[in-house]
Amino acid sequence: MNAEVQHINLDDYIQTGEGGTSLTYTSKDGKTLAKLYNPGFEADRAKAEFLTARTVFELGIPSPEPYRLITDGERSGAEYELIKNKRSFTRIISQEPERLEEISLKFARMARELHEVKADTTRLCSYKQGIERFYREKDLVPAEYKQLALEFLETVPDTPNCLHGDLHIGNIITDGKRDLWIDVGEFSYGAPEWDLSLLWTICNNMSSDRAEDLFHLSHEMMKAHWDIFFPAYLGTTDSQAIGDATKRILPFYAVKVPYVYDMVYQGPMPEVAFQKIAKFFNS
C-alpha cells in the first residue's frame, strides 16, 4: 500500500466507466483500475475512501486490493486491482434470470458472513455515530421527526459488526473464481439492521424505472430477490419470525433515509416524504 499521492499519466489508461461522482480507467497493461473523482471533490474524500478500502481488504473481507492514491493533476482518486472478466451479481441475474435463486442465496450467505466479522473500530467509523451527527448538526428534518429519530437511536446498540454501508447485489462482482465486495467507501460498523434496512427499501420501494436503470432488473425481480434473500439470511422460513425481523428493520430505514438522501442530493427530503415514513417508527 502507498498512502502518498502519486501522479499518473492518463495516456497509460483507457476510460472504461462513468458514475455519478467519478470516472474509471483501466491501465493499458491490463493490471489496474483507476478511479478519479470528478473535479470539485476534495482530495480528502478520495483518501478516506482509499484508507477504508485498505482496512476492509486487510480485515480479510473479499475485495479488490487497493494499491495507491493517485491524481492526474486535477482530480483525485485511487488505483485498485483490476478484476478481469467480472460481472456483478445483478448483471448475472439480468442476463440469466434462471439463476435468481442461486445468486440470491449466495448473496445472503456473503452478507451474513460479512456481518459476523468483528470490525477494527480504531480504523472504521461507527455508522450510528455518523447518523447521530447528521441529526444533531444539520437542520434538514422537521423537529418532530428529529425527536423520533434521536429517541430511536438511543435504543440502538453500537455493535462492532462489519457493515458494507451500501448493501445490495450490485456491489458484489465475480470472475467465476472469486466473489468480491466493491464500493466499500461507506464501510463501517454497527447493528446489521443498518445494512438490511437499505436493502429492504431498494428491493421493495424502488420504482421499476430506477431499478432497471441502476440494477438492470425489474421491480418484480428485486422483490423476488428480497423474498429469497431475507429468509436465507435469517436462517428460517417461519413467517412469524420473518415478519418480526422485518418490523425490527423498519425504524432503521426511517432514520437512515434522510441521511442517505442528503448524502446523494445535498439537501432535505420533500416534506411529504417525512409524513410517509414517520409511521415506521411505530412498527
C-alpha atoms as a PDB file:
ATOM      1  CA  MET A   1       0.000   0.000   0.000  1.00  0.00           C
ATOM      2  CA  ASN A   2       1.148   3.528  -0.748  1.00  0.00           C
ATOM      3  CA  ALA A   3      -0.603   6.358   1.141  1.00  0.00           C
ATOM      4  CA  GLU A   4       1.332   9.068  -0.711  1.00  0.00           C
ATOM      5  CA  VAL A   5      -0.452  10.641  -3.668  1.00  0.00           C
ATOM      6  CA  GLN A   6       1.211   9.714  -6.960  1.00  0.00           C
ATOM      7  CA  HIS A   7       0.718  11.413 -10.324  1.00  0.00           C
ATOM      8  CA  ILE A   8      -0.432   9.259 -13.210  1.00  0.00           C
ATOM      9  CA  ASN A   9      -0.382   9.881 -16.944  1.00  0.00           C
ATOM     10  CA  LEU A  10      -3.818   9.214 -18.432  1.00  0.00           C
ATOM     11  CA  ASP A  11      -2.138   8.278 -21.704  1.00  0.00           C
ATOM     12  CA  ASP A  12      -1.389   4.993 -19.937  1.00  0.00           C
ATOM     13  CA  TYR A  13      -5.095   4.338 -19.293  1.00  0.00           C
ATOM     14  CA  ILE A  14      -8.374   3.855 -21.166  1.00  0.00           C
ATOM     15  CA  GLN A  15     -11.634   5.217 -19.749  1.00  0.00           C
ATOM     16  CA  THR A  16     -13.937   2.262 -19.097  1.00  0.00           C
ATOM     17  CA  GLY A  17     -16.642   3.544 -16.749  1.00  0.00           C
ATOM     18  CA  GLU A  18     -18.621   6.555 -15.614  1.00  0.00           C
ATOM     19  CA  GLY A  19     -20.535   7.097 -12.374  1.00  0.00           C
ATOM     20  CA  GLY A  20     -22.339   9.966 -10.731  1.00  0.00           C
ATOM     21  CA  THR A  21     -19.224  11.242  -8.963  1.00  0.00           C
ATOM     22  CA  SER A  22     -16.276   9.673 -10.753  1.00  0.00           C
ATOM     23  CA  LEU A  23     -14.753   8.140 -13.858  1.00  0.00           C
ATOM     24  CA  THR A  24     -12.883   4.839 -14.000  1.00  0.00           C
ATOM     25  CA  TYR A  25      -9.936   3.941 -16.190  1.00  0.00           C
ATOM     26  CA  THR A  26      -8.261   0.629 -16.994  1.00  0.00           C
ATOM     27  CA  SER A  27      -4.497   0.615 -17.325  1.00  0.00           C
ATOM     28  CA  LYS A  28      -3.277  -0.355 -20.781  1.00  0.00           C
ATOM     29  CA  ASP A  29      -1.191  -3.123 -19.245  1.00  0.00           C
ATOM     30  CA  GLY A  30      -4.454  -4.662 -18.000  1.00  0.00           C
ATOM     31  CA  LYS A  31      -3.405  -4.856 -14.349  1.00  0.00           C
ATOM     32  CA  THR A  32      -5.111  -1.998 -12.513  1.00  0.00           C
ATOM     33  CA  LEU A  33      -8.296   0.067 -12.339  1.00  0.00           C
ATOM     34  CA  ALA A  34      -8.046   3.783 -11.571  1.00  0.00           C
ATOM     35  CA  LYS A  35     -10.969   5.694 -10.079  1.00  0.00           C
ATOM     36  CA  LEU A  36     -10.812   9.504 -10.276  1.00  0.00           C
ATOM     37  CA  TYR A  37     -13.428  11.710  -8.657  1.00  0.00           C
ATOM     38  CA  ASN A  38     -14.924  14.484 -10.754  1.00  0.00           C
ATOM     39  CA  PRO A  39     -13.357  17.963 -10.433  1.00  0.00           C
ATOM     40  CA  GLY A  40     -14.551  19.741  -7.306  1.00  0.00           C
ATOM     41  CA  PHE A  41     -14.416  16.749  -4.996  1.00  0.00           C
ATOM     42  CA  GLU A  42     -11.898  17.170  -2.211  1.00  0.00           C
ATOM     43  CA  ALA A  43      -8.776  15.034  -2.142  1.00  0.00           C
ATOM     44  CA  ASP A  44      -9.606  14.099   1.457  1.00  0.00           C
ATOM     45  CA  ARG A  45     -12.687  12.217   0.236  1.00  0.00           C
ATOM     46  CA  ALA A  46     -10.590  10.066  -2.081  1.00  0.00           C
ATOM     47  CA  LYS A  47      -8.079   9.449   0.692  1.00  0.00           C
ATOM     48  CA  ALA A  48     -10.768   8.461   3.189  1.00  0.00           C
ATOM     49  CA  GLU A  49     -12.301   6.032   0.711  1.00  0.00           C
ATOM     50  CA  PHE A  50      -8.897   4.545  -0.064  1.00  0.00           C
ATOM     51  CA  LEU A  51      -7.980   4.052   3.599  1.00  0.00           C
ATOM     52  CA  THR A  52     -11.369   2.477   4.295  1.00  0.00           C
ATOM     53  CA  ALA A  53     -10.947   0.117   1.340  1.00  0.00           C
ATOM     54  CA  ARG A  54      -7.485  -0.775   2.595  1.00  0.00           C
ATOM     55  CA  THR A  55      -8.861  -1.568   6.056  1.00  0.00           C
ATOM     56  CA  VAL A  56     -11.581  -3.754   4.532  1.00  0.00           C
ATOM     57  CA  PHE A  57      -9.009  -5.659   2.482  1.00  0.00           C
ATOM     58  CA  GLU A  58      -6.732  -6.167   5.485  1.00  0.00           C
ATOM     59  CA  LEU A  59      -9.652  -7.471   7.570  1.00  0.00           C
ATOM     60  CA  GLY A  60      -9.851 -10.337   5.099  1.00  0.00           C
ATOM     61  CA  ILE A  61     -13.117  -9.185   3.523  1.00  0.00           C
ATOM     62  CA  PRO A  62     -13.008 -10.456  -0.086  1.00  0.00           C
ATOM     63  CA  SER A  63     -12.491  -7.293  -2.155  1.00  0.00           C
ATOM     64  CA  PRO A  64     -10.139  -5.932  -4.849  1.00  0.00           C
ATOM     65  CA  GLU A  65      -6.840  -4.812  -3.363  1.00  0.00           C
ATOM     66  CA  PRO A  66      -6.374  -1.007  -3.131  1.00  0.00           C
ATOM     67  CA  TYR A  67      -2.864  -0.086  -4.316  1.00  0.00           C
ATOM     68  CA  ARG A  68      -2.265   3.663  -4.100  1.00  0.00           C
ATOM     69  CA  LEU A  69      -3.681   7.183  -4.021  1.00  0.00           C
ATOM     70  CA  ILE A  70      -3.447   8.964  -7.369  1.00  0.00           C
ATOM     71  CA  THR A  71      -4.052  12.259  -9.163  1.00  0.00           C
ATOM     72  CA  ASP A  72      -3.975  13.320 -12.784  1.00  0.00           C
ATOM     73  CA  GLY A  73      -3.077  16.840 -11.654  1.00  0.00           C
ATOM     74  CA  GLU A  74      -6.695  17.970 -11.444  1.00  0.00           C
ATOM     75  CA  ARG A  75      -8.680  15.099  -9.952  1.00  0.00           C
ATOM     76  CA  SER A  76      -8.019  12.818  -7.000  1.00  0.00           C
ATOM     77  CA  GLY A  77      -8.641   9.109  -6.662  1.00  0.00           C
ATOM     78  CA  ALA A  78      -7.138   5.698  -6.095  1.00  0.00           C
ATOM     79  CA  GLU A  79      -5.879   2.704  -8.042  1.00  0.00           C
ATOM     80  CA  TYR A  80      -7.106  -0.827  -7.404  1.00  0.00           C
ATOM     81  CA  GLU A  81      -6.523  -4.392  -8.511  1.00  0.00           C
ATOM     82  CA  LEU A  82      -8.282  -4.989 -11.837  1.00  0.00           C
ATOM     83  CA  ILE A  83     -10.652  -7.940 -11.776  1.00  0.00           C
ATOM     84  CA  LYS A  84     -10.771  -9.326 -15.309  1.00  0.00           C
ATOM     85  CA  ASN A  85     -13.869 -10.837 -16.906  1.00  0.00           C
ATOM     86  CA  LYS A  86     -16.025  -9.688 -13.998  1.00  0.00           C
ATOM     87  CA  ARG A  87     -19.781  -9.448 -13.740  1.00  0.00           C
ATOM     88  CA  SER A  88     -21.862  -8.061 -10.916  1.00  0.00           C
ATOM     89  CA  PHE A  89     -24.452 -10.289  -9.298  1.00  0.00           C
ATOM     90  CA  THR A  90     -27.171  -8.023 -10.696  1.00  0.00           C
ATOM     91  CA  ARG A  91     -25.755  -8.352 -14.207  1.00  0.00           C
ATOM     92  CA  ILE A  92     -25.760 -12.141 -13.889  1.00  0.00           C
ATOM     93  CA  ILE A  93     -29.411 -12.174 -12.824  1.00  0.00           C
ATOM     94  CA  SER A  94     -30.411  -9.787 -15.617  1.00  0.00           C
ATOM     95  CA  GLN A  95     -28.638 -11.920 -18.231  1.00  0.00           C
ATOM     96  CA  GLU A  96     -29.534 -15.296 -16.703  1.00  0.00           C
ATOM     97  CA  PRO A  97     -32.795 -14.833 -14.747  1.00  0.00           C
ATOM     98  CA  GLU A  98     -32.996 -18.550 -14.068  1.00  0.00           C
ATOM     99  CA  ARG A  99     -30.083 -18.041 -11.649  1.00  0.00           C
ATOM    100  CA  LEU A 100     -32.011 -15.630  -9.396  1.00  0.00           C
ATOM    101  CA  GLU A 101     -32.358 -18.105  -6.525  1.00  0.00           C
ATOM    102  CA  GLU A 102     -28.748 -19.299  -6.750  1.00  0.00           C
ATOM    103  CA  ILE A 103     -27.332 -15.765  -6.702  1.00  0.00           C
ATOM    104  CA  SER A 104     -29.742 -14.507  -4.024  1.00  0.00           C
ATOM    105  CA  LEU A 105     -28.811 -17.407  -1.730  1.00  0.00           C
ATOM    106  CA  LYS A 106     -25.105 -16.799  -2.292  1.00  0.00           C
ATOM    107  CA  PHE A 107     -25.577 -13.102  -1.557  1.00  0.00           C
ATOM    108  CA  ALA A 108     -27.420 -13.949   1.681  1.00  0.00           C
ATOM    109  CA  ARG A 109     -24.529 -16.149   2.803  1.00  0.00           C
ATOM    110  CA  MET A 110     -21.958 -13.469   1.968  1.00  0.00           C
ATOM    111  CA  ALA A 111     -23.943 -10.747   3.743  1.00  0.00           C
ATOM    112  CA  ARG A 112     -24.296 -12.858   6.867  1.00  0.00           C
ATOM    113  CA  GLU A 113     -20.589 -13.733   6.836  1.00  0.00           C
ATOM    114  CA  LEU A 114     -19.726 -10.045   6.411  1.00  0.00           C
ATOM    115  CA  HIS A 115     -21.881  -9.037   9.370  1.00  0.00           C
ATOM    116  CA  GLU A 116     -20.251 -11.719  11.537  1.00  0.00           C
ATOM    117  CA  VAL A 117     -16.796 -10.186  11.072  1.00  0.00           C
ATOM    118  CA  LYS A 118     -15.712  -8.033  14.002  1.00  0.00           C
ATOM    119  CA  ALA A 119     -14.601  -4.611  12.796  1.00  0.00           C
ATOM    120  CA  ASP A 120     -11.401  -2.793  13.660  1.00  0.00           C
ATOM    121  CA  THR A 121     -13.126   0.066  15.460  1.00  0.00           C
ATOM    122  CA  THR A 122      -9.873   2.056  15.569  1.00  0.00           C
ATOM    123  CA  ARG A 123      -9.825   2.293  11.767  1.00  0.00           C
ATOM    124  CA  LEU A 124     -13.510   2.228  10.851  1.00  0.00           C
ATOM    125  CA  CYS A 125     -16.326   4.611  11.780  1.00  0.00           C
ATOM    126  CA  SER A 126     -19.474   3.887  13.749  1.00  0.00           C
ATOM    127  CA  TYR A 127     -22.493   4.075  11.439  1.00  0.00           C
ATOM    128  CA  LYS A 128     -24.719   5.017  14.370  1.00  0.00           C
ATOM    129  CA  GLN A 129     -22.458   7.898  15.404  1.00  0.00           C
ATOM    130  CA  GLY A 130     -22.397   9.218  11.835  1.00  0.00           C
ATOM    131  CA  ILE A 131     -26.188   9.310  11.707  1.00  0.00           C
ATOM    132  CA  GLU A 132     -26.388  10.893  15.152  1.00  0.00           C
ATOM    133  CA  ARG A 133     -24.106  13.714  13.960  1.00  0.00           C
ATOM    134  CA  PHE A 134     -26.350  14.200  10.936  1.00  0.00           C
ATOM    135  CA  TYR A 135     -29.431  14.704  13.121  1.00  0.00           C
ATOM    136  CA  ARG A 136     -27.687  16.880  15.723  1.00  0.00           C
ATOM    137  CA  GLU A 137     -25.606  19.069  13.397  1.00  0.00           C
ATOM    138  CA  LYS A 138     -27.825  19.519  10.327  1.00  0.00           C
ATOM    139  CA  ASP A 139     -31.230  21.165  10.231  1.00  0.00           C
ATOM    140  CA  LEU A 140     -32.730  19.076   7.434  1.00  0.00           C
ATOM    141  CA  VAL A 141     -35.636  17.282   9.098  1.00  0.00           C
ATOM    142  CA  PRO A 142     -38.790  18.501  10.890  1.00  0.00           C
ATOM    143  CA  ALA A 143     -38.376  18.900  14.666  1.00  0.00           C
ATOM    144  CA  GLU A 144     -40.849  16.145  15.495  1.00  0.00           C
ATOM    145  CA  TYR A 145     -39.146  13.740  13.110  1.00  0.00           C
ATOM    146  CA  LYS A 146     -35.738  14.604  14.567  1.00  0.00           C
ATOM    147  CA  GLN A 147     -37.006  13.808  18.050  1.00  0.00           C
ATOM    148  CA  LEU A 148     -38.348  10.433  16.921  1.00  0.00           C
ATOM    149  CA  ALA A 149     -35.039   9.616  15.233  1.00  0.00           C
ATOM    150  CA  LEU A 150     -32.878  10.566  18.204  1.00  0.00           C
ATOM    151  CA  GLU A 151     -35.124   8.671  20.621  1.00  0.00           C
ATOM    152  CA  PHE A 152     -34.821   5.569  18.471  1.00  0.00           C
ATOM    153  CA  LEU A 153     -31.046   5.955  18.134  1.00  0.00           C
ATOM    154  CA  GLU A 154     -30.750   5.832  21.925  1.00  0.00           C
ATOM    155  CA  THR A 155     -32.087   2.271  21.783  1.00  0.00           C
ATOM    156  CA  VAL A 156     -29.691   1.052  19.056  1.00  0.00           C
ATOM    157  CA  PRO A 157     -26.615  -0.898  20.223  1.00  0.00           C
ATOM    158  CA  ASP A 158     -23.340   0.228  18.657  1.00  0.00           C
ATOM    159  CA  THR A 159     -22.083  -3.281  17.983  1.00  0.00           C
ATOM    160  CA  PRO A 160     -18.695  -3.965  16.310  1.00  0.00           C
ATOM    161  CA  ASN A 161     -20.215  -5.903  13.381  1.00  0.00           C
ATOM    162  CA  CYS A 162     -18.832  -5.000   9.971  1.00  0.00           C
ATOM    163  CA  LEU A 163     -21.288  -3.128   7.727  1.00  0.00           C
ATOM    164  CA  HIS A 164     -20.977  -2.567   3.990  1.00  0.00           C
ATOM    165  CA  GLY A 165     -22.860   0.735   4.162  1.00  0.00           C
ATOM    166  CA  ASP A 166     -24.375   0.285   0.681  1.00  0.00           C
ATOM    167  CA  LEU A 167     -25.543  -3.312   0.779  1.00  0.00           C
ATOM    168  CA  HIS A 168     -27.068  -4.566  -2.477  1.00  0.00           C
ATOM    169  CA  ILE A 169     -26.294  -7.253  -5.056  1.00  0.00           C
ATOM    170  CA  GLY A 170     -24.814  -4.723  -7.466  1.00  0.00           C
ATOM    171  CA  ASN A 171     -21.919  -4.357  -5.048  1.00  0.00           C
ATOM    172  CA  ILE A 172     -20.578  -7.872  -5.460  1.00  0.00           C
ATOM    173  CA  ILE A 173     -18.616  -8.831  -8.556  1.00  0.00           C
ATOM    174  CA  THR A 174     -17.342 -12.225  -9.621  1.00  0.00           C
ATOM    175  CA  ASP A 175     -14.838 -13.507 -12.156  1.00  0.00           C
ATOM    176  CA  GLY A 176     -16.140 -17.044 -11.759  1.00  0.00           C
ATOM    177  CA  LYS A 177     -13.478 -17.892  -9.196  1.00  0.00           C
ATOM    178  CA  ARG A 178     -13.756 -15.108  -6.624  1.00  0.00           C
ATOM    179  CA  ASP A 179     -16.809 -13.225  -5.354  1.00  0.00           C
ATOM    180  CA  LEU A 180     -15.712  -9.761  -4.193  1.00  0.00           C
ATOM    181  CA  TRP A 181     -17.328  -6.822  -2.412  1.00  0.00           C
ATOM    182  CA  ILE A 182     -16.869  -3.471  -4.169  1.00  0.00           C
ATOM    183  CA  ASP A 183     -17.754   0.189  -3.498  1.00  0.00           C
ATOM    184  CA  VAL A 184     -16.758  -0.045   0.165  1.00  0.00           C
ATOM    185  CA  GLY A 185     -16.351   3.707   0.749  1.00  0.00           C
ATOM    186  CA  GLU A 186     -19.206   3.685   3.318  1.00  0.00           C
ATOM    187  CA  PHE A 187     -17.924   0.565   5.086  1.00  0.00           C
ATOM    188  CA  SER A 188     -18.323   0.965   8.848  1.00  0.00           C
ATOM    189  CA  TYR A 189     -19.508  -0.927  11.913  1.00  0.00           C
ATOM    190  CA  GLY A 190     -22.737  -1.233  13.864  1.00  0.00           C
ATOM    191  CA  ALA A 191     -26.016  -3.134  14.011  1.00  0.00           C
ATOM    192  CA  PRO A 192     -26.606  -5.219  10.834  1.00  0.00           C
ATOM    193  CA  GLU A 193     -30.070  -3.664  10.552  1.00  0.00           C
ATOM    194  CA  TRP A 194     -28.438  -0.545   9.095  1.00  0.00           C
ATOM    195  CA  ASP A 195     -27.440  -2.604   6.041  1.00  0.00           C
ATOM    196  CA  LEU A 196     -30.618  -4.658   5.907  1.00  0.00           C
ATOM    197  CA  SER A 197     -32.887  -1.602   6.031  1.00  0.00           C
ATOM    198  CA  LEU A 198     -31.258  -0.140   2.927  1.00  0.00           C
ATOM    199  CA  LEU A 199     -31.573  -3.409   1.044  1.00  0.00           C
ATOM    200  CA  TRP A 200     -35.207  -3.724   2.119  1.00  0.00           C
ATOM    201  CA  THR A 201     -36.165  -0.356   0.638  1.00  0.00           C
ATOM    202  CA  ILE A 202     -34.131  -0.936  -2.549  1.00  0.00           C
ATOM    203  CA  CYS A 203     -35.924  -4.232  -3.138  1.00  0.00           C
ATOM    204  CA  ASN A 204     -39.419  -3.204  -2.026  1.00  0.00           C
ATOM    205  CA  ASN A 205     -39.819   0.546  -2.609  1.00  0.00           C
ATOM    206  CA  MET A 206     -37.730   1.398  -5.661  1.00  0.00           C
ATOM    207  CA  SER A 207     -39.628   2.249  -8.845  1.00  0.00           C
ATOM    208  CA  SER A 208     -39.331  -0.055 -11.831  1.00  0.00           C
ATOM    209  CA  ASP A 209     -37.630   2.628 -13.932  1.00  0.00           C
ATOM    210  CA  ARG A 210     -34.960   3.249 -11.307  1.00  0.00           C
ATOM    211  CA  ALA A 211     -34.465  -0.463 -10.654  1.00  0.00           C
ATOM    212  CA  GLU A 212     -33.951  -1.023 -14.376  1.00  0.00           C
ATOM    213  CA  ASP A 213     -31.554   1.918 -14.601  1.00  0.00           C
ATOM    214  CA  LEU A 214     -29.409   1.027 -11.581  1.00  0.00           C
ATOM    215  CA  PHE A 215     -29.642  -2.758 -11.440  1.00  0.00           C
ATOM    216  CA  HIS A 216     -30.907  -3.855 -14.880  1.00  0.00           C
ATOM    217  CA  LEU A 217     -33.737  -5.636 -13.054  1.00  0.00           C
ATOM    218  CA  SER A 218     -37.474  -5.035 -12.794  1.00  0.00           C
ATOM    219  CA  HIS A 219     -39.145  -4.108  -9.519  1.00  0.00           C
ATOM    220  CA  GLU A 220     -40.695  -7.585  -9.503  1.00  0.00           C
ATOM    221  CA  MET A 221     -37.269  -9.226  -9.781  1.00  0.00           C
ATOM    222  CA  MET A 222     -35.879  -7.067  -6.965  1.00  0.00           C
ATOM    223  CA  LYS A 223     -38.832  -8.033  -4.767  1.00  0.00           C
ATOM    224  CA  ALA A 224     -38.318 -11.695  -5.621  1.00  0.00           C
ATOM    225  CA  HIS A 225     -34.642 -11.323  -4.723  1.00  0.00           C
ATOM    226  CA  TRP A 226     -35.571  -9.969  -1.272  1.00  0.00           C
ATOM    227  CA  ASP A 227     -38.077 -12.783  -0.707  1.00  0.00           C
ATOM    228  CA  ILE A 228     -35.285 -15.319  -1.305  1.00  0.00           C
ATOM    229  CA  PHE A 229     -32.532 -13.358   0.436  1.00  0.00           C
ATOM    230  CA  PHE A 230     -34.135 -12.465   3.754  1.00  0.00           C
ATOM    231  CA  PRO A 231     -35.259 -15.941   4.920  1.00  0.00           C
ATOM    232  CA  ALA A 232     -31.851 -17.317   3.891  1.00  0.00           C
ATOM    233  CA  TYR A 233     -30.056 -14.529   5.754  1.00  0.00           C
ATOM    234  CA  LEU A 234     -32.174 -15.156   8.870  1.00  0.00           C
ATOM    235  CA  GLY A 235     -31.866 -18.923   8.573  1.00  0.00           C
ATOM    236  CA  THR A 236     -35.614 -19.523   8.844  1.00  0.00           C
ATOM    237  CA  THR A 237     -38.698 -19.809   6.655  1.00  0.00           C
ATOM    238  CA  ASP A 238     -41.071 -19.227   9.583  1.00  0.00           C
ATOM    239  CA  SER A 239     -43.409 -16.434   8.504  1.00  0.00           C
ATOM    240  CA  GLN A 240     -43.796 -15.066  12.053  1.00  0.00           C
ATOM    241  CA  ALA A 241     -40.020 -14.829  12.525  1.00  0.00           C
ATOM    242  CA  ILE A 242     -39.594 -13.168   9.128  1.00  0.00           C
ATOM    243  CA  GLY A 243     -42.384 -10.703   9.893  1.00  0.00           C
ATOM    244  CA  ASP A 244     -40.891  -9.822  13.266  1.00  0.00           C
ATOM    245  CA  ALA A 245     -37.444  -9.323  11.723  1.00  0.00           C
ATOM    246  CA  THR A 246     -38.907  -7.090   9.030  1.00  0.00           C
ATOM    247  CA  LYS A 247     -40.605  -4.937  11.667  1.00  0.00           C
ATOM    248  CA  ARG A 248     -37.284  -4.568  13.504  1.00  0.00           C
ATOM    249  CA  ILE A 249     -35.525  -3.088  10.481  1.00  0.00           C
ATOM    250  CA  LEU A 250     -38.219  -0.552   9.549  1.00  0.00           C
ATOM    251  CA  PRO A 251     -37.249   2.102  12.154  1.00  0.00           C
ATOM    252  CA  PHE A 252     -33.649   1.821  10.936  1.00  0.00           C
ATOM    253  CA  TYR A 253     -34.972   2.572   7.454  1.00  0.00           C
ATOM    254  CA  ALA A 254     -36.871   5.611   8.729  1.00  0.00           C
ATOM    255  CA  VAL A 255     -33.761   7.008  10.433  1.00  0.00           C
ATOM    256  CA  LYS A 256     -31.414   6.228   7.567  1.00  0.00           C
ATOM    257  CA  VAL A 257     -33.371   7.590   4.594  1.00  0.00           C
ATOM    258  CA  PRO A 258     -32.938  11.345   5.329  1.00  0.00           C
ATOM    259  CA  TYR A 259     -29.219  10.750   5.962  1.00  0.00           C
ATOM    260  CA  VAL A 260     -28.728   8.928   2.652  1.00  0.00           C
ATOM    261  CA  TYR A 261     -30.889  11.443   0.780  1.00  0.00           C
ATOM    262  CA  ASP A 262     -28.679  14.302   1.969  1.00  0.00           C
ATOM    263  CA  MET A 263     -25.562  12.336   1.021  1.00  0.00           C
ATOM    264  CA  VAL A 264     -26.836  11.886  -2.524  1.00  0.00           C
ATOM    265  CA  TYR A 265     -28.722  15.146  -3.127  1.00  0.00           C
ATOM    266  CA  GLN A 266     -27.105  17.531  -0.597  1.00  0.00           C
ATOM    267  CA  GLY A 267     -30.373  18.695   0.874  1.00  0.00           C
ATOM    268  CA  PRO A 268     -33.595  17.794   2.718  1.00  0.00           C
ATOM    269  CA  MET A 269     -36.227  15.362   1.539  1.00  0.00           C
ATOM    270  CA  PRO A 270     -39.638  16.729   0.470  1.00  0.00           C
ATOM    271  CA  GLU A 271     -41.981  17.336   3.407  1.00  0.00           C
ATOM    272  CA  VAL A 272     -44.470  14.755   2.143  1.00  0.00           C
ATOM    273  CA  ALA A 273     -41.795  12.052   2.298  1.00  0.00           C
ATOM    274  CA  PHE A 274     -41.325  12.559   6.045  1.00  0.00           C
ATOM    275  CA  GLN A 275     -45.046  12.137   6.568  1.00  0.00           C
ATOM    276  CA  LYS A 276     -44.992   8.813   4.717  1.00  0.00           C
ATOM    277  CA  ILE A 277     -42.049   7.236   6.517  1.00  0.00           C
ATOM    278  CA  ALA A 278     -42.638   8.538  10.066  1.00  0.00           C
ATOM    279  CA  LYS A 279     -45.075   5.649  10.562  1.00  0.00           C
ATOM    280  CA  PHE A 280     -42.167   3.187  10.511  1.00  0.00           C
ATOM    281  CA  PHE A 281     -41.013   4.400  13.933  1.00  0.00           C
ATOM    282  CA  ASN A 282     -44.085   2.693  15.344  1.00  0.00           C
ATOM    283  CA  SER A 283     -43.619  -0.599  13.527  1.00  0.00           C
END
